[in-house]
Amino acid sequence: MTALPAQHAAARNEPFAFQCAACSRCCHHKVIQTNPYEIARLTAFKGVSAAEFREHWTEGGAGTTLARTEADVCVFLGDQGCTVHPARPLVCRLYPLGRRRAGDGTEHWLRLDPHPLSAGTFGTDGTIADYVEAQGAQPFIAAADAYAEWVNVARDAMAPLPGGTAGGAAVFDLLDLDDVGAKLKELSDVTHIFYAAFQPGTGNAAGYASVIAPNRDMLVNSVTAIAKTSGKLQRVVLVTGTKYYGTHLGPLKTPMRETDPRHMPPDFYFDQIDWLTGFQRGKRWSWTELRPQTLCGFAPGTAMSILPAIAVYAAISKELGLPLRFPGKAGAYGTIYQVTESSHFASAALWAATEKRAANQAYNITNGDYFRWRNVWPRIARVFDMQVGELQTISLTQQMADKAGLWVEMTRKYRLKKFDFDQLVAWPFADYVFGSDWDVMSDVTKSRLHGFHEVVDSEAMFERLLTRFRKERIVP
C-alpha cells in the first residue's frame, strides 16, 4: 500500500496511519474552532459551567474558538502536553487529517501538511476508519454534522423575510392572523419554532399570568401560520415558566416537578399548552415546553431581567452615597431561590429542539442550583465596590420613579452607553423577584435523565454578568 498523498480527497477505507510523538507542534499557530458539543465535553472535563468556560478559555468569550496565548499557542498546552486531551475537540483528534462534508452528506478526507519539524510519523498499516475509531472521533463527527445543519438553517434564516428587513427580521402583529399569514406565507421550509413572545399586563408583575387572550392568541397565530406554510416542521419549543406552578401566588410545594398539578387558574401558560397540545394531536411534528425561572443575561435594553435592575439600583445607591441594601422583603432575603442564565437556557432550547425523548414533554430548566439572596448580596456589593447595608424593604417601582433625571446625569458624568431609564429596567419585575418570601425551587431531574446535563454556578454568574455591565459601560 502507498501512503495517503497530502491534500488527496479520500474515503474512510483508504490506507492511513499516524503515530503522534507528542511534540506539541500542532498546538502552535492554529485556530481551533469549537461547537456546542465540544464546549459541553470540555466544560464537563474542566468541571465548570459552559458560561465560565466560554469566558475564560475561548477567544473573546464567544465560545467559537479556543483562546491562545500571546505566543500564539493553545491555552491548554502545558508542560506535559495537552491538559484537556481526553476532551480535546474534533480537529485535534483528527490532525493531521482534515474532513470535508458536502451538502449531500458525503464526506472527503484530506491528509494535511504537518509542521516541518513535526516528530510524528505516517504509515499505511491501517485505514482512515481505523484512525477515526482510535481517536474516539465518531461522536464528535456526528455532533459536528448536526451543528453544521443548524448553522445552515440559521444562515437561511438571516435572508430577508417577505415583508421584512435584511438580516432576517420581519415586523408583523402577532395578534393579527392575516398579517402573520401574509408575512410568513413563503416560509415553506421551517423546521423549528422557538416561541418566547410575551405581552405583560399593567401593575404588579405577579398579575401578568392572568393576561390570557393576547398571550394565547399570539402563539395560536404564529404556530398556525407556520404549520400551514411549512411541510417540514419538526418541533415547536414553547417557553413558559414556573408561574405554571403558582410561584407568583405565594408559598407552594417544592421542589416543583413537571408532574405537579396546576394551581387555580387563570394562567395563560395553561391556555397556551392546552391549545398547542390539541393542535399538534395527529400531526407529524411535536412540541416541547420549557419552564425557566428568572432569566439572567447580558442584554442591555431588555427590561424584564433582574440583572439590569440590580446593576442600576446598585449604581444609583452608590451615586447617592448609600450602602447596597437588599430592597425586598425580609423573608425573601433568606429563602431559597433559583435563576436561569440566558446562555444556559439557549443550550437547553437547542437540546429540546433535537432530543427525541423531549417530544411532547415539559421540562424545568434552571441553572441547576439554589441560593439565598443574603449569601449572594455581599458578592454583588463587591462587584460595585460597595458596603452591604441593613435590609430595607422598599418598592423599587415607587422609589425609582423620580430617578430618570439622575440617570441622565450619571450617563453624562461617567460616559455610559445611552439607554432610556425605562428601557433599562422593569422595576415591577424587580419588586416581584425580591418580594418572593417563599422557597422557589424546581426539580431538574427529568431534563438530566433525558440528556441535558449542563449546570451554572448562580452566585458566580451574578458576579460575572454584573462585572460585565460595568466593563461595557452600561453602569459606572
Protein backbone atom coordinates (compact mmCIF):
# COMPACT_ATOMS: atom_id res chain seq x y z
CA MET A 1 0.00 0.00 0.00
CA THR A 2 1.11 3.57 -0.63
CA ALA A 3 0.77 6.37 1.89
CA LEU A 4 -2.13 8.76 1.53
CA PRO A 5 -0.89 11.74 -0.51
CA ALA A 6 -1.18 15.21 1.01
CA GLN A 7 -4.42 17.07 0.10
CA HIS A 8 -5.82 13.94 -1.57
CA ALA A 9 -9.60 13.52 -1.29
CA ALA A 10 -10.00 10.09 0.23
CA ALA A 11 -12.64 7.74 1.62
CA ARG A 12 -12.61 6.03 5.02
CA ASN A 13 -11.39 2.72 3.62
CA GLU A 14 -8.17 4.16 2.20
CA PRO A 15 -4.86 3.36 3.91
CA PHE A 16 -3.68 5.77 6.58
CA ALA A 17 -1.84 5.72 9.90
CA PHE A 18 -0.15 8.35 12.00
CA GLN A 19 1.93 7.91 15.13
CA CYS A 20 1.93 11.01 17.33
CA ALA A 21 5.25 11.73 19.08
CA ALA A 22 3.74 14.31 21.48
CA CYS A 23 5.99 17.08 20.12
CA SER A 24 3.06 19.54 20.56
CA ARG A 25 3.94 21.48 17.43
CA CYS A 26 0.37 21.08 16.22
CA CYS A 27 -0.67 23.22 19.23
CA HIS A 28 1.14 26.28 17.87
CA HIS A 29 -0.23 28.87 15.41
CA LYS A 30 -3.57 27.09 14.96
CA VAL A 31 -7.14 28.38 15.19
CA ILE A 32 -9.08 25.64 16.98
CA GLN A 33 -12.77 26.06 16.23
CA THR A 34 -15.34 24.60 18.61
CA ASN A 35 -19.04 23.82 18.50
CA PRO A 36 -21.56 23.48 21.37
CA TYR A 37 -20.95 19.73 21.74
CA GLU A 38 -17.21 20.25 22.10
CA ILE A 39 -17.76 23.06 24.59
CA ALA A 40 -20.01 20.72 26.60
CA ARG A 41 -17.34 18.00 26.65
CA LEU A 42 -14.62 20.45 27.67
CA THR A 43 -16.89 22.01 30.27
CA ALA A 44 -17.58 18.64 31.87
CA PHE A 45 -13.88 17.78 31.86
CA LYS A 46 -12.92 21.08 33.50
CA GLY A 47 -15.78 20.88 35.99
CA VAL A 48 -17.07 24.39 35.25
CA SER A 49 -20.21 25.85 33.71
CA ALA A 50 -20.43 26.44 29.97
CA ALA A 51 -20.62 30.18 30.59
CA GLU A 52 -17.45 30.13 32.71
CA PHE A 53 -15.64 28.04 30.11
CA ARG A 54 -16.58 30.35 27.25
CA GLU A 55 -15.46 33.42 29.19
CA HIS A 56 -12.11 32.10 30.38
CA TRP A 57 -10.93 29.71 27.64
CA THR A 58 -12.38 30.89 24.32
CA GLU A 59 -11.48 33.88 22.18
CA GLY A 60 -13.47 36.91 23.26
CA GLY A 61 -15.77 34.71 25.35
CA ALA A 62 -17.67 33.79 22.19
CA GLY A 63 -17.27 30.03 22.51
CA THR A 64 -16.36 29.51 18.86
CA THR A 65 -12.55 29.16 19.05
CA LEU A 66 -10.20 28.19 21.85
CA ALA A 67 -8.16 31.01 23.32
CA ARG A 68 -4.45 31.38 22.53
CA THR A 69 -1.58 32.84 24.48
CA GLU A 70 0.45 35.88 23.40
CA ALA A 71 2.89 33.40 21.82
CA ASP A 72 0.01 32.10 19.63
CA VAL A 73 -0.11 28.78 21.48
CA CYS A 74 -3.29 26.93 22.51
CA VAL A 75 -4.28 27.97 26.02
CA PHE A 76 -4.48 24.31 27.06
CA LEU A 77 -0.91 23.37 26.17
CA GLY A 78 1.01 22.63 29.36
CA ASP A 79 4.50 21.43 30.19
CA GLN A 80 3.45 17.81 29.74
CA GLY A 81 1.32 18.36 26.63
CA CYS A 82 -2.39 18.94 26.21
CA THR A 83 -4.10 19.47 29.58
CA VAL A 84 -7.57 18.61 28.20
CA HIS A 85 -6.51 15.72 25.96
CA PRO A 86 -9.39 13.34 26.90
CA ALA A 87 -11.90 16.06 25.94
CA ARG A 88 -9.99 17.63 23.03
CA PRO A 89 -12.03 18.98 20.08
CA LEU A 90 -12.53 17.14 16.81
CA VAL A 91 -9.85 18.98 14.81
CA CYS A 92 -7.28 17.97 17.44
CA ARG A 93 -8.43 14.35 17.35
CA LEU A 94 -8.23 14.11 13.56
CA TYR A 95 -4.97 16.02 12.97
CA PRO A 96 -3.18 15.56 10.59
CA LEU A 97 -6.36 14.52 8.84
CA GLY A 98 -8.90 17.01 7.59
CA ARG A 99 -12.53 16.26 6.79
CA ARG A 100 -14.92 17.94 4.41
CA ARG A 101 -18.64 17.26 4.29
CA ALA A 102 -20.57 18.11 1.14
CA GLY A 103 -24.11 19.45 1.11
CA ASP A 104 -25.45 16.00 0.22
CA GLY A 105 -23.82 14.47 3.31
CA THR A 106 -20.88 12.77 1.60
CA GLU A 107 -17.50 13.19 3.24
CA HIS A 108 -13.98 13.50 1.91
CA TRP A 109 -10.76 13.14 3.88
CA LEU A 110 -7.53 15.06 3.35
CA ARG A 111 -4.05 14.47 4.70
CA LEU A 112 -2.84 17.84 5.92
CA ASP A 113 0.75 19.02 5.70
CA PRO A 114 2.16 18.84 9.24
CA HIS A 115 4.59 21.30 10.80
CA PRO A 116 8.04 20.96 9.14
CA LEU A 117 9.56 19.98 12.48
CA SER A 118 6.78 17.61 13.50
CA ALA A 119 8.09 14.43 15.09
CA GLY A 120 5.04 12.38 14.12
CA THR A 121 5.31 9.62 11.53
CA PHE A 122 2.92 8.50 8.80
CA GLY A 123 2.22 4.88 7.89
CA THR A 124 -0.04 2.55 5.91
CA ASP A 125 -0.81 -0.16 8.45
CA GLY A 126 -4.40 0.93 8.89
CA THR A 127 -7.23 2.89 7.31
CA ILE A 128 -8.79 6.28 7.88
CA ALA A 129 -11.70 4.47 9.57
CA ASP A 130 -9.27 2.80 11.97
CA TYR A 131 -7.68 6.13 12.83
CA VAL A 132 -11.07 7.80 13.42
CA GLU A 133 -12.08 4.99 15.76
CA ALA A 134 -8.78 5.02 17.64
CA GLN A 135 -9.12 8.77 18.24
CA GLY A 136 -12.68 8.43 19.57
CA ALA A 137 -13.76 10.90 16.93
CA GLN A 138 -17.07 9.50 15.70
CA PRO A 139 -19.34 11.12 18.34
CA PHE A 140 -17.63 14.42 17.60
CA ILE A 141 -18.16 13.95 13.86
CA ALA A 142 -21.85 13.25 14.36
CA ALA A 143 -22.19 16.34 16.55
CA ALA A 144 -20.27 18.49 14.03
CA ASP A 145 -22.56 17.36 11.22
CA ALA A 146 -25.67 18.14 13.27
CA TYR A 147 -24.27 21.55 14.19
CA ALA A 148 -23.46 22.28 10.54
CA GLU A 149 -27.07 21.61 9.63
CA TRP A 150 -28.19 24.08 12.31
CA VAL A 151 -25.74 26.68 11.02
CA ASN A 152 -27.21 26.28 7.56
CA VAL A 153 -30.69 26.76 8.95
CA ALA A 154 -29.55 29.90 10.76
CA ARG A 155 -27.86 31.21 7.60
CA ASP A 156 -31.07 30.71 5.66
CA ALA A 157 -32.96 32.48 8.41
CA MET A 158 -30.73 35.54 8.01
CA ALA A 159 -32.07 36.10 4.49
CA PRO A 160 -34.69 38.85 4.23
CA LEU A 161 -38.16 37.62 5.07
CA PRO A 162 -41.18 38.57 2.98
CA GLY A 163 -42.33 41.98 4.14
CA GLY A 164 -39.32 42.22 6.43
CA THR A 165 -35.86 43.68 6.54
CA ALA A 166 -32.38 42.46 5.73
CA GLY A 167 -30.96 40.30 8.49
CA GLY A 168 -33.95 38.01 8.83
CA ALA A 169 -36.16 40.31 10.89
CA ALA A 170 -39.78 40.64 9.89
CA VAL A 171 -42.15 43.06 11.56
CA PHE A 172 -45.74 41.97 11.98
CA ASP A 173 -48.54 41.94 14.51
CA LEU A 174 -48.76 38.54 16.21
CA LEU A 175 -52.31 39.34 17.23
CA ASP A 176 -53.35 39.72 13.59
CA LEU A 177 -53.61 36.27 11.98
CA ASP A 178 -53.96 37.73 8.48
CA ASP A 179 -50.82 39.84 8.92
CA VAL A 180 -48.85 36.91 10.30
CA GLY A 181 -50.01 34.64 7.48
CA ALA A 182 -49.19 37.19 4.80
CA LYS A 183 -45.69 37.87 6.14
CA LEU A 184 -44.79 34.20 6.65
CA LYS A 185 -46.56 32.56 3.71
CA GLU A 186 -43.35 31.91 1.76
CA LEU A 187 -41.54 30.15 4.64
CA SER A 188 -42.12 26.66 3.34
CA ASP A 189 -39.04 25.02 4.85
CA VAL A 190 -39.24 25.99 8.54
CA THR A 191 -38.26 23.03 10.72
CA HIS A 192 -38.39 24.53 14.23
CA ILE A 193 -40.28 27.26 16.04
CA PHE A 194 -38.88 28.79 19.23
CA TYR A 195 -41.74 30.70 20.78
CA ALA A 196 -40.96 33.15 23.58
CA ALA A 197 -43.28 36.11 22.89
CA PHE A 198 -44.91 37.72 25.89
CA GLN A 199 -47.33 40.58 26.47
CA PRO A 200 -47.35 41.78 30.08
CA GLY A 201 -50.21 43.43 31.84
CA THR A 202 -50.14 46.55 33.94
CA GLY A 203 -49.36 46.92 37.62
CA ASN A 204 -47.83 44.18 39.75
CA ALA A 205 -45.77 41.64 37.78
CA ALA A 206 -47.34 38.81 39.75
CA GLY A 207 -50.58 39.55 37.91
CA TYR A 208 -49.12 39.10 34.43
CA ALA A 209 -50.17 35.42 34.32
CA SER A 210 -53.80 36.48 34.04
CA VAL A 211 -53.23 38.29 30.71
CA ILE A 212 -54.64 35.33 28.81
CA ALA A 213 -56.18 36.37 25.49
CA PRO A 214 -53.20 38.13 23.81
CA ASN A 215 -50.61 35.62 25.04
CA ARG A 216 -52.68 32.67 23.86
CA ASP A 217 -53.61 34.26 20.54
CA MET A 218 -50.04 35.26 19.62
CA LEU A 219 -48.98 31.62 19.97
CA VAL A 220 -52.02 30.39 18.05
CA ASN A 221 -51.39 32.77 15.15
CA SER A 222 -47.66 32.07 14.95
CA VAL A 223 -47.83 28.29 15.00
CA THR A 224 -50.93 28.12 12.81
CA ALA A 225 -49.31 30.22 10.10
CA ILE A 226 -46.05 28.23 10.05
CA ALA A 227 -47.77 24.85 10.21
CA LYS A 228 -49.87 25.86 7.23
CA THR A 229 -46.97 27.00 5.05
CA SER A 230 -44.22 24.55 6.02
CA GLY A 231 -44.44 20.83 5.48
CA LYS A 232 -41.05 20.36 7.16
CA LEU A 233 -41.99 21.49 10.66
CA GLN A 234 -40.46 19.16 13.25
CA ARG A 235 -40.85 20.78 16.65
CA VAL A 236 -42.26 23.79 18.46
CA VAL A 237 -40.30 24.82 21.56
CA LEU A 238 -42.61 26.80 23.83
CA VAL A 239 -41.11 28.91 26.61
CA THR A 240 -43.34 29.23 29.67
CA GLY A 241 -42.08 29.44 33.25
CA THR A 242 -42.55 28.48 36.87
CA LYS A 243 -45.71 30.58 37.19
CA TYR A 244 -47.15 27.33 35.82
CA TYR A 245 -46.79 26.03 39.39
CA GLY A 246 -48.03 29.23 41.03
CA THR A 247 -44.74 30.79 42.15
CA HIS A 248 -46.38 34.20 41.74
CA LEU A 249 -49.20 33.38 44.15
CA GLY A 250 -47.35 32.52 47.35
CA PRO A 251 -45.85 29.54 49.18
CA LEU A 252 -46.10 26.28 47.27
CA LYS A 253 -44.84 22.71 47.20
CA THR A 254 -41.11 22.41 46.50
CA PRO A 255 -39.25 21.17 44.67
CA MET A 256 -41.60 21.79 41.77
CA ARG A 257 -41.88 18.84 39.40
CA GLU A 258 -43.32 18.68 35.91
CA THR A 259 -45.96 16.22 37.13
CA ASP A 260 -47.30 18.57 39.83
CA PRO A 261 -50.96 19.57 39.49
CA ARG A 262 -51.77 23.03 38.23
CA HIS A 263 -52.69 25.90 40.51
CA MET A 264 -56.11 27.54 40.41
CA PRO A 265 -56.50 29.43 37.09
CA PRO A 266 -56.17 31.92 35.46
CA ASP A 267 -52.72 31.41 33.95
CA PHE A 268 -52.04 31.96 30.26
CA TYR A 269 -49.43 29.18 30.31
CA PHE A 270 -52.31 26.71 30.77
CA ASP A 271 -54.14 28.13 27.78
CA GLN A 272 -51.02 28.07 25.63
CA ILE A 273 -50.02 24.48 26.31
CA ASP A 274 -53.61 23.21 26.15
CA TRP A 275 -54.06 24.78 22.73
CA LEU A 276 -50.69 23.56 21.46
CA THR A 277 -51.32 20.01 22.70
CA GLY A 278 -54.68 19.89 20.97
CA PHE A 279 -53.46 21.47 17.75
CA GLN A 280 -50.50 19.10 17.49
CA ARG A 281 -52.51 15.94 18.03
CA GLY A 282 -52.29 13.68 14.96
CA LYS A 283 -49.58 15.73 13.26
CA ARG A 284 -46.02 14.67 12.40
CA TRP A 285 -44.32 17.46 14.36
CA SER A 286 -44.06 17.65 18.14
CA TRP A 287 -43.72 20.26 20.87
CA THR A 288 -41.54 20.75 23.94
CA GLU A 289 -42.38 23.10 26.81
CA LEU A 290 -39.54 24.67 28.81
CA ARG A 291 -40.09 26.22 32.25
CA PRO A 292 -37.21 28.51 33.28
CA GLN A 293 -37.07 30.77 36.34
CA THR A 294 -35.96 34.42 36.29
CA LEU A 295 -33.82 34.52 33.15
CA CYS A 296 -30.49 36.31 33.60
CA GLY A 297 -28.20 37.50 30.85
CA PHE A 298 -26.24 40.40 29.44
CA ALA A 299 -28.90 42.06 27.31
CA PRO A 300 -28.98 45.83 27.93
CA GLY A 301 -32.31 47.23 26.86
CA THR A 302 -34.17 44.08 27.85
CA ALA A 303 -36.03 45.40 30.86
CA MET A 304 -37.61 42.13 32.01
CA SER A 305 -34.41 40.86 33.64
CA ILE A 306 -33.20 41.04 37.21
CA LEU A 307 -29.57 41.76 36.21
CA PRO A 308 -30.05 45.35 34.96
CA ALA A 309 -32.33 46.04 37.91
CA ILE A 310 -29.57 45.06 40.35
CA ALA A 311 -26.92 46.92 38.37
CA VAL A 312 -28.86 50.18 38.08
CA TYR A 313 -30.13 50.02 41.68
CA ALA A 314 -26.56 49.50 42.92
CA ALA A 315 -25.20 52.31 40.73
CA ILE A 316 -27.81 54.79 41.92
CA SER A 317 -27.34 53.77 45.55
CA LYS A 318 -23.59 54.31 45.22
CA GLU A 319 -24.07 57.67 43.49
CA LEU A 320 -26.24 58.80 46.41
CA GLY A 321 -23.65 57.69 48.94
CA LEU A 322 -25.74 54.77 50.19
CA PRO A 323 -24.67 51.22 51.03
CA LEU A 324 -26.10 48.35 48.99
CA ARG A 325 -29.26 47.41 50.86
CA PHE A 326 -31.42 44.47 49.88
CA PRO A 327 -34.67 46.19 48.81
CA GLY A 328 -37.00 43.20 49.07
CA LYS A 329 -38.95 41.59 51.86
CA ALA A 330 -37.14 40.34 54.93
CA GLY A 331 -38.34 36.80 54.26
CA ALA A 332 -37.10 36.92 50.66
CA TYR A 333 -33.57 37.69 51.84
CA GLY A 334 -33.24 34.27 53.46
CA THR A 335 -35.49 31.95 51.48
CA ILE A 336 -34.24 29.64 48.74
CA TYR A 337 -34.32 30.99 45.19
CA GLN A 338 -33.14 29.98 41.72
CA VAL A 339 -32.45 31.56 38.34
CA THR A 340 -31.65 30.55 34.76
CA GLU A 341 -28.79 32.10 32.80
CA SER A 342 -29.94 33.00 29.30
CA SER A 343 -27.00 31.34 27.51
CA HIS A 344 -27.63 28.20 29.55
CA PHE A 345 -31.28 28.36 28.57
CA ALA A 346 -30.31 28.74 24.90
CA SER A 347 -28.34 25.50 25.15
CA ALA A 348 -31.37 23.84 26.72
CA ALA A 349 -33.62 25.10 23.93
CA LEU A 350 -31.30 23.65 21.29
CA TRP A 351 -31.25 20.35 23.18
CA ALA A 352 -35.05 20.37 23.47
CA ALA A 353 -35.41 21.01 19.74
CA THR A 354 -33.35 17.97 18.77
CA GLU A 355 -33.76 15.41 21.56
CA LYS A 356 -36.16 12.62 20.57
CA ARG A 357 -37.16 11.98 24.19
CA ALA A 358 -38.25 15.60 24.53
CA ALA A 359 -41.14 15.21 22.09
CA ASN A 360 -44.40 16.38 23.69
CA GLN A 361 -42.76 16.81 27.09
CA ALA A 362 -42.35 19.63 29.61
CA TYR A 363 -39.06 20.36 31.42
CA ASN A 364 -37.91 22.60 34.23
CA ILE A 365 -34.76 24.43 33.11
CA THR A 366 -32.75 26.32 35.74
CA ASN A 367 -29.06 26.73 36.50
CA GLY A 368 -29.37 23.52 38.49
CA ASP A 369 -28.52 25.03 41.88
CA TYR A 370 -30.19 27.16 44.56
CA PHE A 371 -29.10 30.16 46.61
CA ARG A 372 -30.23 32.67 49.22
CA TRP A 373 -30.01 36.39 48.46
CA ARG A 374 -28.34 37.04 51.81
CA ASN A 375 -25.38 34.91 50.63
CA VAL A 376 -25.21 36.46 47.16
CA TRP A 377 -25.63 40.10 48.23
CA PRO A 378 -22.08 40.57 49.60
CA ARG A 379 -20.62 39.26 46.32
CA ILE A 380 -22.81 41.70 44.39
CA ALA A 381 -21.68 44.56 46.64
CA ARG A 382 -18.03 43.72 45.95
CA VAL A 383 -18.63 43.99 42.22
CA PHE A 384 -19.63 47.63 42.74
CA ASP A 385 -17.03 48.34 45.44
CA MET A 386 -19.79 48.94 47.99
CA GLN A 387 -20.57 48.02 51.56
CA VAL A 388 -23.62 45.90 52.36
CA GLY A 389 -26.22 47.82 54.34
CA GLU A 390 -29.04 46.68 56.55
CA LEU A 391 -32.05 45.27 54.75
CA GLN A 392 -34.62 47.95 53.91
CA THR A 393 -37.85 46.88 52.24
CA ILE A 394 -38.95 49.41 49.63
CA SER A 395 -40.99 49.48 46.46
CA LEU A 396 -38.45 49.97 43.69
CA THR A 397 -41.31 50.89 41.36
CA GLN A 398 -42.12 53.85 43.59
CA GLN A 399 -38.64 54.81 44.77
CA MET A 400 -37.13 54.78 41.27
CA ALA A 401 -39.98 56.73 39.66
CA ASP A 402 -38.10 60.03 40.02
CA LYS A 403 -34.59 58.79 39.15
CA ALA A 404 -34.66 59.18 35.36
CA GLY A 405 -33.11 62.64 35.56
CA LEU A 406 -30.37 61.38 37.86
CA TRP A 407 -29.62 58.60 35.39
CA VAL A 408 -29.23 61.11 32.55
CA GLU A 409 -26.70 62.98 34.68
CA MET A 410 -24.86 59.75 35.55
CA THR A 411 -24.78 58.72 31.89
CA ARG A 412 -23.10 62.01 31.00
CA LYS A 413 -20.81 62.07 34.03
CA TYR A 414 -19.47 58.53 33.61
CA ARG A 415 -19.75 58.42 29.80
CA LEU A 416 -22.10 55.46 29.87
CA LYS A 417 -23.80 53.97 26.85
CA LYS A 418 -27.07 55.77 26.34
CA PHE A 419 -30.24 53.94 27.30
CA ASP A 420 -33.54 55.41 28.35
CA PHE A 421 -34.12 54.73 32.02
CA ASP A 422 -37.39 52.88 31.33
CA GLN A 423 -35.66 50.86 28.63
CA LEU A 424 -33.07 49.52 31.04
CA VAL A 425 -35.18 48.22 33.92
CA ALA A 426 -38.70 46.97 34.62
CA TRP A 427 -38.95 47.88 38.31
CA PRO A 428 -42.24 46.00 38.91
CA PHE A 429 -40.43 42.82 37.86
CA ALA A 430 -37.65 43.53 40.34
CA ASP A 431 -40.22 44.09 43.10
CA TYR A 432 -41.79 40.75 42.20
CA VAL A 433 -38.49 38.86 42.38
CA PHE A 434 -37.34 40.49 45.63
CA GLY A 435 -40.78 40.09 47.15
CA SER A 436 -40.93 36.30 46.89
CA ASP A 437 -40.54 35.40 50.57
CA TRP A 438 -41.15 31.70 49.99
CA ASP A 439 -38.89 28.98 48.60
CA VAL A 440 -38.71 28.82 44.80
CA MET A 441 -37.13 25.50 43.82
CA SER A 442 -37.52 23.47 40.62
CA ASP A 443 -36.56 19.83 40.24
CA VAL A 444 -34.47 19.40 37.06
CA THR A 445 -34.07 15.63 37.34
CA LYS A 446 -36.25 14.94 34.30
CA SER A 447 -34.13 17.05 31.94
CA ARG A 448 -30.96 15.40 33.25
CA LEU A 449 -32.37 11.93 32.79
CA HIS A 450 -33.29 12.85 29.22
CA GLY A 451 -29.83 14.14 28.34
CA PHE A 452 -29.43 17.81 29.33
CA HIS A 453 -26.61 17.88 31.87
CA GLU A 454 -25.27 21.47 31.82
CA VAL A 455 -25.23 23.46 35.07
CA VAL A 456 -24.27 27.00 36.09
CA ASP A 457 -22.91 28.31 39.40
CA SER A 458 -25.52 31.00 40.09
CA GLU A 459 -23.53 33.02 42.62
CA ALA A 460 -20.55 33.17 40.26
CA MET A 461 -22.93 34.04 37.41
CA PHE A 462 -24.19 37.16 39.21
CA GLU A 463 -20.63 38.31 39.82
CA ARG A 464 -19.56 37.60 36.23
CA LEU A 465 -22.51 39.24 34.48
CA LEU A 466 -22.70 42.29 36.75
CA THR A 467 -18.98 42.84 36.23
CA ARG A 468 -19.66 42.87 32.51
CA PHE A 469 -22.34 45.54 32.98
CA ARG A 470 -19.60 47.74 34.42
CA LYS A 471 -16.95 46.83 31.83
CA GLU A 472 -19.34 47.53 28.97
CA ARG A 473 -20.19 50.95 30.45
CA ILE A 474 -23.86 50.19 30.97
CA VAL A 475 -23.45 51.28 34.59
CA PRO A 476 -20.49 53.08 36.24
